[in-house]
Amino acid sequence: MFISLAFTVVEFNHLGMLLKRSLDHHLSIIFGILVELALRTDLAKGYRSFSQRARILTETWARENLYCPACPSDSLQPTPSGKRVIDFTCPSCEEAYQLKSQSHPFGYRVMNSAYEPKIEAIRNGTVPNFLFLHYNPDALVVSDLFVVPKHFISESIIEKRKPLSKNARRSGWVGSNILLGNLPLDARISIVKDGREIPKTVVRESWKRFTFLREQSVYSRGWLTDVLASIRQLERETFTLADVYAFEKKLAKLHPNNKHIRPKIRQQLQVLRDHGIIEFLGKGSYRIRKS
C-alpha cells in the first residue's frame, strides 16, 4: 500500500507546530513544569473594549497560574478590587506584586503611576515587586513574563513625566516611567521566556541571589544596581576597573549629590565581590561569577 507523504507548506508548518507542542508538553512533565500559557478567552465574551478584555484575560491567567518567586508558595492572592498599586500578595511571605500587561514586548521604559507617591514608596520601602506580562494578541497566549524584585527599584530608574495639560481631565497630574533599560539583566527574572516556562527552582534561585540588596540602604541599593548595570553593559565576563570608570559621567548624572564617583564605584565593586556576584582577579581585573 502506498501512502502519500506530500504536504503543502502550510500543512508541513502545522505538523511542525504540533510536534513542537508535544515535545514541550513531555519535557514539561519530565522537568516538573506546568506549561499553561493560554488565556481563557471565554471569560471576555461580555466585554466590547479590547483593553477590558485584555485586562480580564491577563488578570485571570495571573490569578490561576502565578506563584511567589520569593518563597515556596505556589499561589498568589489577588488584592481587593480597586486597590491601587498592589495587585497580588503572597499568602505565605506577604510579598506584594503589581502586574503590568501589554500585547507588545516591553521596551526601554514603561508608563506607571504618579511620580511623587512612587518616589515616596521607594524611600519608605513600600514599593511592590513588579510583574511584566507580554501576551500574543493573535494566539492569546502568554509569550513572556518576568519579575523585577523591589530591591532593584531605585530612584534612578524612575523617570518623571511632564504634567498633564490644562485641558486634560487630571490637569497638572505628574506620572512616572519605569526605565527598564537602566536595570541590569539580573533584575529581570524570567518566569516565562519565548513561550516557555522557566523552572521554579531557577526563578527562585535567581531571586535569592540578590536578596542581600535588602540589607542595604535605599541609597546604597541604587548605587549597587547602577554599577551592576554598567558592568552588564560591557557585555563580557571579565572587565577592569578602568572599564567601569568609563561610566563615571553617567553615574554622576544619576547621583548628582555625590562628588566622589570613582571611590563610590570601588566601594560597590567590593560589595558585589563580597556577595559573590563578581570575583577579583588582581591588578584591577574582575570576572562576573555565574549563578
C-alpha atoms as a PDB file:
ATOM      1  CA  MET A   1       0.000   0.000   0.000  1.00  0.00           C
ATOM      2  CA  PHE A   2       1.346   3.408  -0.978  1.00  0.00           C
ATOM      3  CA  ILE A   3       0.908   6.276   1.470  1.00  0.00           C
ATOM      4  CA  SER A   4       1.364   9.777   0.105  1.00  0.00           C
ATOM      5  CA  LEU A   5       3.751  11.922   2.135  1.00  0.00           C
ATOM      6  CA  ALA A   6       3.203  15.062   0.117  1.00  0.00           C
ATOM      7  CA  PHE A   7       2.484  18.123   2.252  1.00  0.00           C
ATOM      8  CA  THR A   8       1.735  21.705   1.416  1.00  0.00           C
ATOM      9  CA  VAL A   9       3.920  24.306   3.116  1.00  0.00           C
ATOM     10  CA  VAL A  10       1.044  25.223   5.442  1.00  0.00           C
ATOM     11  CA  GLU A  11       0.408  21.560   6.377  1.00  0.00           C
ATOM     12  CA  PHE A  12       4.120  20.984   6.972  1.00  0.00           C
ATOM     13  CA  ASN A  13       4.403  24.038   9.232  1.00  0.00           C
ATOM     14  CA  HIS A  14       1.284  22.974  11.111  1.00  0.00           C
ATOM     15  CA  LEU A  15       2.709  19.491  11.632  1.00  0.00           C
ATOM     16  CA  GLY A  16       5.935  21.016  12.936  1.00  0.00           C
ATOM     17  CA  MET A  17       3.999  23.157  15.374  1.00  0.00           C
ATOM     18  CA  LEU A  18       2.074  20.126  16.682  1.00  0.00           C
ATOM     19  CA  LEU A  19       5.293  18.160  17.128  1.00  0.00           C
ATOM     20  CA  LYS A  20       6.891  21.080  18.982  1.00  0.00           C
ATOM     21  CA  ARG A  21       3.893  21.375  21.312  1.00  0.00           C
ATOM     22  CA  SER A  22       4.013  17.647  22.000  1.00  0.00           C
ATOM     23  CA  LEU A  23       7.742  17.812  22.773  1.00  0.00           C
ATOM     24  CA  ASP A  24       7.281  20.827  25.046  1.00  0.00           C
ATOM     25  CA  HIS A  25       4.472  19.011  26.863  1.00  0.00           C
ATOM     26  CA  HIS A  26       6.579  15.928  27.552  1.00  0.00           C
ATOM     27  CA  LEU A  27       9.587  17.978  28.595  1.00  0.00           C
ATOM     28  CA  SER A  28       7.378  19.923  30.976  1.00  0.00           C
ATOM     29  CA  ILE A  29       6.289  16.648  32.600  1.00  0.00           C
ATOM     30  CA  ILE A  30       9.880  15.417  32.859  1.00  0.00           C
ATOM     31  CA  PHE A  31      11.134  18.622  34.489  1.00  0.00           C
ATOM     32  CA  GLY A  32       8.050  19.236  36.598  1.00  0.00           C
ATOM     33  CA  ILE A  33       6.975  22.402  34.778  1.00  0.00           C
ATOM     34  CA  LEU A  34       3.331  23.254  34.366  1.00  0.00           C
ATOM     35  CA  VAL A  35       3.032  24.865  30.941  1.00  0.00           C
ATOM     36  CA  GLU A  36      -0.387  26.518  30.847  1.00  0.00           C
ATOM     37  CA  LEU A  37       0.136  29.706  28.902  1.00  0.00           C
ATOM     38  CA  ALA A  38      -3.177  30.036  27.054  1.00  0.00           C
ATOM     39  CA  LEU A  39      -5.518  32.839  28.091  1.00  0.00           C
ATOM     40  CA  ARG A  40      -9.127  31.860  28.829  1.00  0.00           C
ATOM     41  CA  THR A  41     -10.986  33.641  26.043  1.00  0.00           C
ATOM     42  CA  ASP A  42     -14.423  32.526  27.298  1.00  0.00           C
ATOM     43  CA  LEU A  43     -14.155  34.980  30.179  1.00  0.00           C
ATOM     44  CA  ALA A  44     -14.050  38.048  27.916  1.00  0.00           C
ATOM     45  CA  LYS A  45     -17.146  37.406  25.815  1.00  0.00           C
ATOM     46  CA  GLY A  46     -19.217  40.011  27.612  1.00  0.00           C
ATOM     47  CA  TYR A  47     -16.739  42.849  27.069  1.00  0.00           C
ATOM     48  CA  ARG A  48     -16.564  45.011  23.941  1.00  0.00           C
ATOM     49  CA  SER A  49     -13.497  47.061  24.769  1.00  0.00           C
ATOM     50  CA  PHE A  50     -10.176  45.437  23.796  1.00  0.00           C
ATOM     51  CA  SER A  51      -8.477  46.906  26.877  1.00  0.00           C
ATOM     52  CA  GLN A  52     -11.181  45.476  29.151  1.00  0.00           C
ATOM     53  CA  ARG A  53     -10.925  42.043  27.543  1.00  0.00           C
ATOM     54  CA  ALA A  54      -7.148  42.103  27.830  1.00  0.00           C
ATOM     55  CA  ARG A  55      -7.325  43.097  31.500  1.00  0.00           C
ATOM     56  CA  ILE A  56      -9.801  40.319  32.343  1.00  0.00           C
ATOM     57  CA  LEU A  57      -7.810  37.683  30.463  1.00  0.00           C
ATOM     58  CA  THR A  58      -4.385  38.576  31.864  1.00  0.00           C
ATOM     59  CA  GLU A  59      -5.569  39.110  35.446  1.00  0.00           C
ATOM     60  CA  THR A  60      -7.407  35.793  35.400  1.00  0.00           C
ATOM     61  CA  TRP A  61      -4.363  33.994  33.995  1.00  0.00           C
ATOM     62  CA  ALA A  62      -2.180  35.596  36.673  1.00  0.00           C
ATOM     63  CA  ARG A  63      -4.595  34.616  39.455  1.00  0.00           C
ATOM     64  CA  GLU A  64      -4.697  30.990  38.280  1.00  0.00           C
ATOM     65  CA  ASN A  65      -1.035  30.495  37.390  1.00  0.00           C
ATOM     66  CA  LEU A  66       1.265  32.839  39.291  1.00  0.00           C
ATOM     67  CA  TYR A  67       3.365  31.673  42.222  1.00  0.00           C
ATOM     68  CA  CYS A  68       5.675  33.519  44.592  1.00  0.00           C
ATOM     69  CA  PRO A  69       9.283  33.749  43.354  1.00  0.00           C
ATOM     70  CA  ALA A  70      10.426  34.756  46.845  1.00  0.00           C
ATOM     71  CA  CYS A  71       9.253  31.686  48.778  1.00  0.00           C
ATOM     72  CA  PRO A  72       7.873  28.134  48.221  1.00  0.00           C
ATOM     73  CA  SER A  73       4.265  29.335  47.949  1.00  0.00           C
ATOM     74  CA  ASP A  74       2.691  28.070  44.716  1.00  0.00           C
ATOM     75  CA  SER A  75      -0.008  30.738  44.581  1.00  0.00           C
ATOM     76  CA  LEU A  76      -0.589  34.464  44.908  1.00  0.00           C
ATOM     77  CA  GLN A  77      -3.753  36.075  46.236  1.00  0.00           C
ATOM     78  CA  PRO A  78      -5.408  38.942  44.336  1.00  0.00           C
ATOM     79  CA  THR A  79      -5.972  42.077  46.376  1.00  0.00           C
ATOM     80  CA  PRO A  80      -9.487  43.522  46.770  1.00  0.00           C
ATOM     81  CA  SER A  81     -10.860  45.112  43.592  1.00  0.00           C
ATOM     82  CA  GLY A  82      -9.996  48.779  43.268  1.00  0.00           C
ATOM     83  CA  LYS A  83      -6.916  48.673  45.490  1.00  0.00           C
ATOM     84  CA  ARG A  84      -4.174  50.746  43.913  1.00  0.00           C
ATOM     85  CA  VAL A  85      -0.524  49.848  43.375  1.00  0.00           C
ATOM     86  CA  ILE A  86      -0.718  46.233  44.638  1.00  0.00           C
ATOM     87  CA  ASP A  87      -2.460  43.544  42.560  1.00  0.00           C
ATOM     88  CA  PHE A  88      -1.307  40.356  44.313  1.00  0.00           C
ATOM     89  CA  THR A  89       0.200  39.321  47.629  1.00  0.00           C
ATOM     90  CA  CYS A  90       1.822  36.109  48.745  1.00  0.00           C
ATOM     91  CA  PRO A  91      -0.210  34.291  51.440  1.00  0.00           C
ATOM     92  CA  SER A  92       3.000  32.939  52.995  1.00  0.00           C
ATOM     93  CA  CYS A  93       5.704  35.640  52.933  1.00  0.00           C
ATOM     94  CA  GLU A  94       3.418  38.639  52.228  1.00  0.00           C
ATOM     95  CA  GLU A  95       5.476  39.894  49.282  1.00  0.00           C
ATOM     96  CA  ALA A  96       3.412  42.380  47.245  1.00  0.00           C
ATOM     97  CA  TYR A  97       3.261  42.449  43.437  1.00  0.00           C
ATOM     98  CA  GLN A  98       1.990  44.842  40.794  1.00  0.00           C
ATOM     99  CA  LEU A  99       1.107  43.378  37.385  1.00  0.00           C
ATOM    100  CA  LYS A 100       1.773  45.213  34.126  1.00  0.00           C
ATOM    101  CA  SER A 101       0.406  43.569  30.964  1.00  0.00           C
ATOM    102  CA  GLN A 102       0.583  44.506  27.294  1.00  0.00           C
ATOM    103  CA  SER A 103       0.325  42.970  23.837  1.00  0.00           C
ATOM    104  CA  HIS A 104       3.786  44.038  22.645  1.00  0.00           C
ATOM    105  CA  PRO A 105       7.215  43.372  24.172  1.00  0.00           C
ATOM    106  CA  PHE A 106       8.340  45.698  26.946  1.00  0.00           C
ATOM    107  CA  GLY A 107      10.904  48.236  25.840  1.00  0.00           C
ATOM    108  CA  TYR A 108      13.220  50.726  27.488  1.00  0.00           C
ATOM    109  CA  ARG A 109      10.509  52.475  29.533  1.00  0.00           C
ATOM    110  CA  VAL A 110       7.095  51.542  30.898  1.00  0.00           C
ATOM    111  CA  MET A 111       4.431  54.029  31.934  1.00  0.00           C
ATOM    112  CA  ASN A 112       3.495  53.799  35.593  1.00  0.00           C
ATOM    113  CA  SER A 113       1.663  55.601  38.372  1.00  0.00           C
ATOM    114  CA  ALA A 114       2.036  59.096  39.885  1.00  0.00           C
ATOM    115  CA  TYR A 115       5.632  60.238  40.316  1.00  0.00           C
ATOM    116  CA  GLU A 116       5.743  61.643  43.868  1.00  0.00           C
ATOM    117  CA  PRO A 117       3.961  58.677  45.536  1.00  0.00           C
ATOM    118  CA  LYS A 118       6.285  56.336  43.625  1.00  0.00           C
ATOM    119  CA  ILE A 119       9.410  58.081  44.941  1.00  0.00           C
ATOM    120  CA  GLU A 120       7.961  58.136  48.453  1.00  0.00           C
ATOM    121  CA  ALA A 121       7.212  54.393  48.267  1.00  0.00           C
ATOM    122  CA  ILE A 122      10.819  53.694  47.223  1.00  0.00           C
ATOM    123  CA  ARG A 123      12.177  55.764  50.089  1.00  0.00           C
ATOM    124  CA  ASN A 124       9.979  54.209  52.765  1.00  0.00           C
ATOM    125  CA  GLY A 125      10.315  50.647  51.452  1.00  0.00           C
ATOM    126  CA  THR A 126       6.682  50.068  50.452  1.00  0.00           C
ATOM    127  CA  VAL A 127       7.215  49.853  46.678  1.00  0.00           C
ATOM    128  CA  PRO A 128       5.972  46.462  45.371  1.00  0.00           C
ATOM    129  CA  ASN A 129       7.682  43.922  43.176  1.00  0.00           C
ATOM    130  CA  PHE A 130       6.737  44.326  39.503  1.00  0.00           C
ATOM    131  CA  LEU A 131       5.472  41.594  37.175  1.00  0.00           C
ATOM    132  CA  PHE A 132       5.680  42.358  33.441  1.00  0.00           C
ATOM    133  CA  LEU A 133       3.481  40.147  31.257  1.00  0.00           C
ATOM    134  CA  HIS A 134       3.628  40.223  27.465  1.00  0.00           C
ATOM    135  CA  TYR A 135       0.931  38.259  25.656  1.00  0.00           C
ATOM    136  CA  ASN A 136       0.395  37.409  21.986  1.00  0.00           C
ATOM    137  CA  PRO A 137      -2.847  39.177  20.935  1.00  0.00           C
ATOM    138  CA  ASP A 138      -3.405  36.816  17.992  1.00  0.00           C
ATOM    139  CA  ALA A 139      -2.725  33.450  19.623  1.00  0.00           C
ATOM    140  CA  LEU A 140      -3.905  34.732  23.036  1.00  0.00           C
ATOM    141  CA  VAL A 141      -1.094  33.076  24.943  1.00  0.00           C
ATOM    142  CA  VAL A 142       1.490  34.399  27.376  1.00  0.00           C
ATOM    143  CA  SER A 143       4.733  34.972  25.474  1.00  0.00           C
ATOM    144  CA  ASP A 144       6.955  36.427  28.175  1.00  0.00           C
ATOM    145  CA  LEU A 145       6.692  37.135  31.879  1.00  0.00           C
ATOM    146  CA  PHE A 146       9.407  38.497  34.126  1.00  0.00           C
ATOM    147  CA  VAL A 147       9.537  39.910  37.629  1.00  0.00           C
ATOM    148  CA  VAL A 148      11.636  42.828  38.876  1.00  0.00           C
ATOM    149  CA  PRO A 149      12.111  42.454  42.640  1.00  0.00           C
ATOM    150  CA  LYS A 150      11.579  45.622  44.644  1.00  0.00           C
ATOM    151  CA  HIS A 151      15.171  45.573  45.898  1.00  0.00           C
ATOM    152  CA  PHE A 152      16.192  46.574  42.362  1.00  0.00           C
ATOM    153  CA  ILE A 153      13.759  49.504  42.253  1.00  0.00           C
ATOM    154  CA  SER A 154      15.576  52.777  42.984  1.00  0.00           C
ATOM    155  CA  GLU A 155      15.026  56.442  42.206  1.00  0.00           C
ATOM    156  CA  SER A 156      17.492  56.318  39.329  1.00  0.00           C
ATOM    157  CA  ILE A 157      15.195  54.068  37.273  1.00  0.00           C
ATOM    158  CA  ILE A 158      12.101  56.243  37.812  1.00  0.00           C
ATOM    159  CA  GLU A 159      11.573  58.956  35.225  1.00  0.00           C
ATOM    160  CA  LYS A 160       9.359  61.980  35.886  1.00  0.00           C
ATOM    161  CA  ARG A 161       6.866  62.666  33.120  1.00  0.00           C
ATOM    162  CA  LYS A 162       5.590  66.077  32.071  1.00  0.00           C
ATOM    163  CA  PRO A 163       2.466  67.363  33.869  1.00  0.00           C
ATOM    164  CA  LEU A 164      -0.822  66.840  32.043  1.00  0.00           C
ATOM    165  CA  SER A 165      -2.018  69.876  30.091  1.00  0.00           C
ATOM    166  CA  LYS A 166      -4.617  72.345  31.357  1.00  0.00           C
ATOM    167  CA  ASN A 167      -7.206  70.779  29.065  1.00  0.00           C
ATOM    168  CA  ALA A 168      -6.703  67.289  30.471  1.00  0.00           C
ATOM    169  CA  ARG A 169      -9.218  65.791  32.891  1.00  0.00           C
ATOM    170  CA  ARG A 170      -6.480  65.493  35.532  1.00  0.00           C
ATOM    171  CA  SER A 171      -4.742  68.755  34.707  1.00  0.00           C
ATOM    172  CA  GLY A 172      -1.311  69.088  36.315  1.00  0.00           C
ATOM    173  CA  TRP A 173      -1.046  65.407  37.251  1.00  0.00           C
ATOM    174  CA  VAL A 174       2.543  64.111  37.034  1.00  0.00           C
ATOM    175  CA  GLY A 175       3.104  60.482  36.157  1.00  0.00           C
ATOM    176  CA  SER A 176       6.205  58.322  36.061  1.00  0.00           C
ATOM    177  CA  ASN A 177       8.012  55.867  33.819  1.00  0.00           C
ATOM    178  CA  ILE A 178       9.952  52.801  34.947  1.00  0.00           C
ATOM    179  CA  LEU A 179      13.200  52.743  32.982  1.00  0.00           C
ATOM    180  CA  LEU A 180      13.662  49.030  32.431  1.00  0.00           C
ATOM    181  CA  GLY A 181      16.582  49.820  30.145  1.00  0.00           C
ATOM    182  CA  ASN A 182      18.553  51.202  33.093  1.00  0.00           C
ATOM    183  CA  LEU A 183      18.311  47.947  35.039  1.00  0.00           C
ATOM    184  CA  PRO A 184      20.925  45.177  34.926  1.00  0.00           C
ATOM    185  CA  LEU A 185      19.732  41.966  33.277  1.00  0.00           C
ATOM    186  CA  ASP A 186      19.918  40.342  36.722  1.00  0.00           C
ATOM    187  CA  ALA A 187      16.914  42.447  37.766  1.00  0.00           C
ATOM    188  CA  ARG A 188      14.661  40.940  35.092  1.00  0.00           C
ATOM    189  CA  ILE A 189      13.970  37.432  36.359  1.00  0.00           C
ATOM    190  CA  SER A 190      12.217  35.453  33.640  1.00  0.00           C
ATOM    191  CA  ILE A 191       9.257  33.262  34.620  1.00  0.00           C
ATOM    192  CA  VAL A 192       8.124  32.667  31.020  1.00  0.00           C
ATOM    193  CA  LYS A 193      10.504  33.330  28.141  1.00  0.00           C
ATOM    194  CA  ASP A 194       9.673  32.988  24.451  1.00  0.00           C
ATOM    195  CA  GLY A 195       6.565  30.973  25.269  1.00  0.00           C
ATOM    196  CA  ARG A 196       8.311  28.544  27.614  1.00  0.00           C
ATOM    197  CA  GLU A 197       8.065  28.456  31.374  1.00  0.00           C
ATOM    198  CA  ILE A 198      11.289  28.662  33.363  1.00  0.00           C
ATOM    199  CA  PRO A 199      11.575  26.049  36.147  1.00  0.00           C
ATOM    200  CA  LYS A 200      10.513  27.425  39.537  1.00  0.00           C
ATOM    201  CA  THR A 201      13.802  26.384  41.108  1.00  0.00           C
ATOM    202  CA  VAL A 202      15.721  28.542  38.619  1.00  0.00           C
ATOM    203  CA  VAL A 203      13.403  31.520  39.188  1.00  0.00           C
ATOM    204  CA  ARG A 204      13.706  31.301  42.958  1.00  0.00           C
ATOM    205  CA  GLU A 205      17.478  30.883  42.886  1.00  0.00           C
ATOM    206  CA  SER A 206      17.751  33.992  40.672  1.00  0.00           C
ATOM    207  CA  TRP A 207      15.613  35.895  43.182  1.00  0.00           C
ATOM    208  CA  LYS A 208      17.575  34.646  46.185  1.00  0.00           C
ATOM    209  CA  ARG A 209      20.940  35.596  44.684  1.00  0.00           C
ATOM    210  CA  PHE A 210      20.297  39.324  45.130  1.00  0.00           C
ATOM    211  CA  THR A 211      18.269  39.439  48.336  1.00  0.00           C
ATOM    212  CA  PHE A 212      21.372  40.843  50.052  1.00  0.00           C
ATOM    213  CA  LEU A 213      20.341  44.162  48.481  1.00  0.00           C
ATOM    214  CA  ARG A 214      17.524  44.357  51.028  1.00  0.00           C
ATOM    215  CA  GLU A 215      20.137  44.640  53.759  1.00  0.00           C
ATOM    216  CA  GLN A 216      21.428  47.833  52.143  1.00  0.00           C
ATOM    217  CA  SER A 217      20.001  51.328  52.487  1.00  0.00           C
ATOM    218  CA  VAL A 218      17.811  52.694  49.692  1.00  0.00           C
ATOM    219  CA  TYR A 219      20.708  54.931  48.648  1.00  0.00           C
ATOM    220  CA  SER A 220      23.202  52.033  48.564  1.00  0.00           C
ATOM    221  CA  ARG A 221      20.809  49.788  46.623  1.00  0.00           C
ATOM    222  CA  GLY A 222      20.568  52.440  43.930  1.00  0.00           C
ATOM    223  CA  TRP A 223      24.334  52.660  43.615  1.00  0.00           C
ATOM    224  CA  LEU A 224      24.829  48.888  43.556  1.00  0.00           C
ATOM    225  CA  THR A 225      22.157  48.456  40.890  1.00  0.00           C
ATOM    226  CA  ASP A 226      23.568  51.234  38.718  1.00  0.00           C
ATOM    227  CA  VAL A 227      27.144  49.948  38.926  1.00  0.00           C
ATOM    228  CA  LEU A 228      25.999  46.404  38.160  1.00  0.00           C
ATOM    229  CA  ALA A 229      24.016  47.729  35.178  1.00  0.00           C
ATOM    230  CA  SER A 230      27.196  49.444  33.942  1.00  0.00           C
ATOM    231  CA  ILE A 231      29.148  46.201  34.231  1.00  0.00           C
ATOM    232  CA  ARG A 232      26.458  44.321  32.321  1.00  0.00           C
ATOM    233  CA  GLN A 233      26.573  46.909  29.547  1.00  0.00           C
ATOM    234  CA  LEU A 234      30.159  45.840  28.852  1.00  0.00           C
ATOM    235  CA  GLU A 235      28.736  42.504  27.662  1.00  0.00           C
ATOM    236  CA  ARG A 236      31.730  40.428  28.655  1.00  0.00           C
ATOM    237  CA  GLU A 237      32.620  38.103  31.500  1.00  0.00           C
ATOM    238  CA  THR A 238      35.875  39.812  32.535  1.00  0.00           C
ATOM    239  CA  PHE A 239      36.387  43.548  32.926  1.00  0.00           C
ATOM    240  CA  THR A 240      38.711  46.063  34.520  1.00  0.00           C
ATOM    241  CA  LEU A 241      38.292  48.922  36.945  1.00  0.00           C
ATOM    242  CA  ALA A 242      39.077  51.290  34.061  1.00  0.00           C
ATOM    243  CA  ASP A 243      36.147  49.809  32.134  1.00  0.00           C
ATOM    244  CA  VAL A 244      33.761  50.746  34.933  1.00  0.00           C
ATOM    245  CA  TYR A 245      35.353  54.197  35.319  1.00  0.00           C
ATOM    246  CA  ALA A 246      34.217  54.822  31.726  1.00  0.00           C
ATOM    247  CA  PHE A 247      30.665  55.138  33.142  1.00  0.00           C
ATOM    248  CA  GLU A 248      31.735  57.900  35.542  1.00  0.00           C
ATOM    249  CA  LYS A 249      29.776  60.684  33.811  1.00  0.00           C
ATOM    250  CA  LYS A 250      26.623  58.595  33.556  1.00  0.00           C
ATOM    251  CA  LEU A 251      26.793  57.615  37.226  1.00  0.00           C
ATOM    252  CA  ALA A 252      27.437  61.232  38.218  1.00  0.00           C
ATOM    253  CA  LYS A 253      24.276  62.234  36.373  1.00  0.00           C
ATOM    254  CA  LEU A 254      22.263  59.526  38.145  1.00  0.00           C
ATOM    255  CA  HIS A 255      23.709  60.552  41.526  1.00  0.00           C
ATOM    256  CA  PRO A 256      24.242  64.338  41.307  1.00  0.00           C
ATOM    257  CA  ASN A 257      24.743  64.787  45.058  1.00  0.00           C
ATOM    258  CA  ASN A 258      27.817  62.563  45.123  1.00  0.00           C
ATOM    259  CA  LYS A 259      31.075  64.312  44.179  1.00  0.00           C
ATOM    260  CA  HIS A 260      33.344  61.288  44.656  1.00  0.00           C
ATOM    261  CA  ILE A 261      32.222  58.944  41.904  1.00  0.00           C
ATOM    262  CA  ARG A 262      35.340  56.801  41.499  1.00  0.00           C
ATOM    263  CA  PRO A 263      35.691  55.920  45.214  1.00  0.00           C
ATOM    264  CA  LYS A 264      31.978  55.090  45.195  1.00  0.00           C
ATOM    265  CA  ILE A 265      32.461  52.781  42.199  1.00  0.00           C
ATOM    266  CA  ARG A 266      35.258  50.934  44.006  1.00  0.00           C
ATOM    267  CA  GLN A 267      33.069  50.590  47.082  1.00  0.00           C
ATOM    268  CA  GLN A 268      30.240  48.996  45.073  1.00  0.00           C
ATOM    269  CA  LEU A 269      32.634  46.584  43.383  1.00  0.00           C
ATOM    270  CA  GLN A 270      33.800  45.464  46.825  1.00  0.00           C
ATOM    271  CA  VAL A 271      30.208  44.859  47.975  1.00  0.00           C
ATOM    272  CA  LEU A 272      29.421  42.899  44.803  1.00  0.00           C
ATOM    273  CA  ARG A 273      32.588  40.872  45.338  1.00  0.00           C
ATOM    274  CA  ASP A 274      31.755  40.155  48.994  1.00  0.00           C
ATOM    275  CA  HIS A 275      28.356  38.769  47.981  1.00  0.00           C
ATOM    276  CA  GLY A 276      29.701  36.529  45.234  1.00  0.00           C
ATOM    277  CA  ILE A 277      28.398  38.477  42.234  1.00  0.00           C
ATOM    278  CA  ILE A 278      31.846  39.298  40.875  1.00  0.00           C
ATOM    279  CA  GLU A 279      35.331  37.911  41.519  1.00  0.00           C
ATOM    280  CA  PHE A 280      38.509  39.967  41.933  1.00  0.00           C
ATOM    281  CA  LEU A 281      41.305  38.599  39.724  1.00  0.00           C
ATOM    282  CA  GLY A 282      44.019  41.028  40.768  1.00  0.00           C
ATOM    283  CA  LYS A 283      45.661  44.075  39.158  1.00  0.00           C
ATOM    284  CA  GLY A 284      42.345  45.874  38.677  1.00  0.00           C
ATOM    285  CA  SER A 285      40.644  42.984  36.873  1.00  0.00           C
ATOM    286  CA  TYR A 286      37.328  41.317  37.720  1.00  0.00           C
ATOM    287  CA  ARG A 287      35.131  38.497  36.489  1.00  0.00           C
ATOM    288  CA  ILE A 288      31.360  38.100  36.721  1.00  0.00           C
ATOM    289  CA  ARG A 289      30.578  34.894  38.583  1.00  0.00           C
ATOM    290  CA  LYS A 290      27.988  32.604  37.048  1.00  0.00           C
ATOM    291  CA  SER A 291      24.848  31.982  39.056  1.00  0.00           C
END
